[in-house]
């Protein structure tokens, strides 16, 4: 005779919550790394340039 036991409801809820938390953190970090920080770095770089050089750099740098 074989005895099998499935996952409890508590274990399923904890696993689901952990997955949602990890996925949300991953999306947030991806947004920061690929969109937010490059844009902020470019804006800071442009602010340090003299006004006449800002338009020339806009064509060279890949970020908006």
N, C-alpha and C. Protein backbone atom coordinates (compact mmCIF):
# COMPACT_ATOMS: atom_id res chain seq x y z
N UNK A 1 0.85 -1.18 0.00
CA UNK A 1 0.00 0.00 0.00
C UNK A 1 0.89 1.24 0.00
N UNK A 2 0.57 2.14 -0.89
CA UNK A 2 1.35 3.35 -1.03
C UNK A 2 0.59 4.54 -0.47
N UNK A 3 1.28 5.39 0.28
CA UNK A 3 0.66 6.59 0.84
C UNK A 3 1.24 7.79 0.13
N UNK A 4 0.38 8.63 -0.44
CA UNK A 4 0.82 9.85 -1.12
C UNK A 4 0.14 11.03 -0.46
N UNK A 5 0.90 12.10 -0.38
CA UNK A 5 0.37 13.31 0.24
C UNK A 5 0.70 14.49 -0.67
N UNK A 6 -0.28 15.27 -1.03
CA UNK A 6 -0.05 16.44 -1.87
C UNK A 6 0.32 17.65 -1.03
N UNK A 7 0.55 18.74 -1.71
CA UNK A 7 0.90 19.98 -1.01
C UNK A 7 -0.31 20.54 -0.28
N UNK A 8 -0.03 21.16 0.84
CA UNK A 8 -1.12 21.78 1.58
C UNK A 8 -1.45 23.14 0.98
N UNK A 9 -2.58 23.68 1.34
CA UNK A 9 -2.99 24.98 0.84
C UNK A 9 -2.03 26.08 1.31
N UNK A 10 -1.55 25.96 2.54
CA UNK A 10 -0.60 26.94 3.08
C UNK A 10 0.69 26.96 2.25
N UNK A 11 1.21 25.79 1.90
CA UNK A 11 2.44 25.70 1.11
C UNK A 11 2.24 26.32 -0.27
N UNK A 12 1.11 26.08 -0.89
CA UNK A 12 0.82 26.64 -2.21
C UNK A 12 0.74 28.17 -2.14
N UNK A 13 0.11 28.69 -1.11
CA UNK A 13 -0.01 30.14 -0.96
C UNK A 13 1.36 30.77 -0.73
N UNK A 14 2.17 30.17 0.14
CA UNK A 14 3.51 30.71 0.40
C UNK A 14 4.38 30.67 -0.85
N UNK A 15 4.30 29.59 -1.59
CA UNK A 15 5.10 29.48 -2.82
C UNK A 15 4.66 30.50 -3.86
N UNK A 16 3.36 30.70 -3.98
CA UNK A 16 2.83 31.68 -4.93
C UNK A 16 3.24 33.09 -4.54
N UNK A 17 3.14 33.42 -3.27
CA UNK A 17 3.55 34.75 -2.81
C UNK A 17 5.04 34.99 -3.04
N UNK A 18 5.85 33.99 -2.79
CA UNK A 18 7.29 34.12 -3.02
C UNK A 18 7.57 34.34 -4.50
N UNK A 19 6.91 33.58 -5.37
CA UNK A 19 7.10 33.74 -6.80
C UNK A 19 6.70 35.14 -7.26
N UNK A 20 5.56 35.64 -6.79
CA UNK A 20 5.10 36.99 -7.17
C UNK A 20 6.09 38.04 -6.69
N UNK A 21 6.59 37.91 -5.46
CA UNK A 21 7.55 38.86 -4.92
C UNK A 21 8.85 38.86 -5.73
N UNK A 22 9.37 37.69 -6.04
CA UNK A 22 10.63 37.59 -6.79
C UNK A 22 10.44 38.13 -8.21
N UNK A 23 9.32 37.83 -8.85
CA UNK A 23 9.06 38.33 -10.20
C UNK A 23 8.93 39.85 -10.20
N UNK A 24 8.24 40.41 -9.20
CA UNK A 24 8.09 41.87 -9.13
C UNK A 24 9.44 42.55 -8.92
N UNK A 25 10.27 42.00 -8.05
CA UNK A 25 11.60 42.57 -7.83
C UNK A 25 12.44 42.48 -9.09
N UNK A 26 12.37 41.38 -9.79
CA UNK A 26 13.12 41.22 -11.03
C UNK A 26 12.71 42.24 -12.08
N UNK A 27 11.41 42.47 -12.22
CA UNK A 27 10.92 43.47 -13.18
C UNK A 27 11.36 44.87 -12.78
N UNK A 28 11.30 45.15 -11.49
CA UNK A 28 11.72 46.48 -11.02
C UNK A 28 13.21 46.72 -11.28
N UNK A 29 14.04 45.73 -10.98
CA UNK A 29 15.47 45.87 -11.21
C UNK A 29 15.79 45.98 -12.70
N UNK A 30 15.06 45.26 -13.54
CA UNK A 30 15.26 45.34 -14.98
C UNK A 30 14.89 46.74 -15.48
N UNK A 31 13.80 47.29 -14.99
CA UNK A 31 13.40 48.65 -15.36
C UNK A 31 14.46 49.65 -14.96
N UNK A 32 14.96 49.53 -13.73
CA UNK A 32 16.00 50.45 -13.27
C UNK A 32 17.26 50.33 -14.11
N UNK A 33 17.69 49.13 -14.40
CA UNK A 33 18.95 48.92 -15.09
C UNK A 33 18.92 49.26 -16.57
N UNK A 34 17.80 49.00 -17.24
CA UNK A 34 17.74 49.20 -18.69
C UNK A 34 17.11 50.52 -19.11
N UNK A 35 16.30 51.13 -18.25
CA UNK A 35 15.58 52.34 -18.65
C UNK A 35 15.92 53.54 -17.78
N UNK A 36 15.71 53.42 -16.48
CA UNK A 36 15.82 54.57 -15.59
C UNK A 36 17.23 55.12 -15.45
N UNK A 37 18.18 54.27 -15.05
CA UNK A 37 19.53 54.77 -14.79
C UNK A 37 20.26 55.26 -16.03
N UNK A 38 20.16 54.59 -17.17
CA UNK A 38 20.82 55.15 -18.36
C UNK A 38 20.27 56.53 -18.72
N UNK A 39 18.97 56.71 -18.56
CA UNK A 39 18.36 58.01 -18.87
C UNK A 39 18.85 59.08 -17.88
N UNK A 40 18.91 58.75 -16.60
CA UNK A 40 19.39 59.70 -15.60
C UNK A 40 20.87 60.03 -15.82
N UNK A 41 21.66 59.03 -16.19
CA UNK A 41 23.09 59.27 -16.45
C UNK A 41 23.27 60.20 -17.65
N UNK A 42 22.49 60.01 -18.70
CA UNK A 42 22.57 60.85 -19.88
C UNK A 42 22.17 62.30 -19.55
N UNK A 43 21.09 62.45 -18.78
CA UNK A 43 20.66 63.80 -18.40
C UNK A 43 21.73 64.50 -17.55
N UNK A 44 22.33 63.78 -16.63
CA UNK A 44 23.40 64.37 -15.82
C UNK A 44 24.60 64.75 -16.66
N UNK A 45 24.93 63.90 -17.62
CA UNK A 45 26.05 64.18 -18.52
C UNK A 45 25.77 65.43 -19.36
N UNK A 46 24.55 65.55 -19.86
CA UNK A 46 24.20 66.72 -20.69
C UNK A 46 24.21 68.02 -19.88
N UNK A 47 23.83 67.94 -18.61
CA UNK A 47 23.82 69.14 -17.77
C UNK A 47 25.22 69.66 -17.52
N UNK A 48 26.21 68.77 -17.52
CA UNK A 48 27.59 69.19 -17.29
C UNK A 48 28.24 69.80 -18.53
N UNK A 49 27.69 69.56 -19.69
CA UNK A 49 28.26 70.08 -20.93
C UNK A 49 27.91 71.56 -21.11
N UNK A 50 28.75 72.29 -21.79
CA UNK A 50 28.36 73.65 -22.17
C UNK A 50 27.16 73.61 -23.12
N UNK A 51 26.40 74.68 -23.16
CA UNK A 51 25.15 74.72 -23.93
C UNK A 51 25.38 74.43 -25.42
N UNK A 52 26.42 74.98 -25.99
CA UNK A 52 26.64 74.79 -27.43
C UNK A 52 27.03 73.36 -27.80
N UNK A 53 27.54 72.59 -26.87
CA UNK A 53 27.93 71.21 -27.16
C UNK A 53 26.80 70.21 -26.92
N UNK A 54 25.73 70.59 -26.27
CA UNK A 54 24.64 69.67 -25.93
C UNK A 54 23.95 69.12 -27.18
N UNK A 55 23.75 69.95 -28.18
CA UNK A 55 23.06 69.49 -29.38
C UNK A 55 23.93 68.55 -30.20
N UNK A 56 25.23 68.73 -30.19
CA UNK A 56 26.12 67.84 -30.93
C UNK A 56 26.14 66.45 -30.31
N UNK A 57 26.09 66.38 -29.00
CA UNK A 57 26.15 65.10 -28.31
C UNK A 57 24.84 64.33 -28.46
N UNK A 58 23.74 65.02 -28.65
CA UNK A 58 22.44 64.37 -28.77
C UNK A 58 22.40 63.40 -29.95
N UNK A 59 23.12 63.67 -31.02
CA UNK A 59 23.14 62.79 -32.18
C UNK A 59 24.04 61.58 -31.98
N UNK A 60 25.02 61.68 -31.12
CA UNK A 60 26.01 60.62 -30.95
C UNK A 60 25.56 59.58 -29.94
N UNK A 61 24.97 60.01 -28.82
CA UNK A 61 24.63 59.09 -27.75
C UNK A 61 23.36 58.30 -28.09
N UNK A 62 23.32 57.01 -27.74
CA UNK A 62 22.21 56.15 -28.16
C UNK A 62 20.92 56.35 -27.37
N UNK A 63 20.95 56.92 -26.19
CA UNK A 63 19.75 57.05 -25.37
C UNK A 63 19.09 58.41 -25.61
N UNK A 64 17.76 58.45 -25.46
CA UNK A 64 17.04 59.73 -25.69
C UNK A 64 17.30 60.75 -24.64
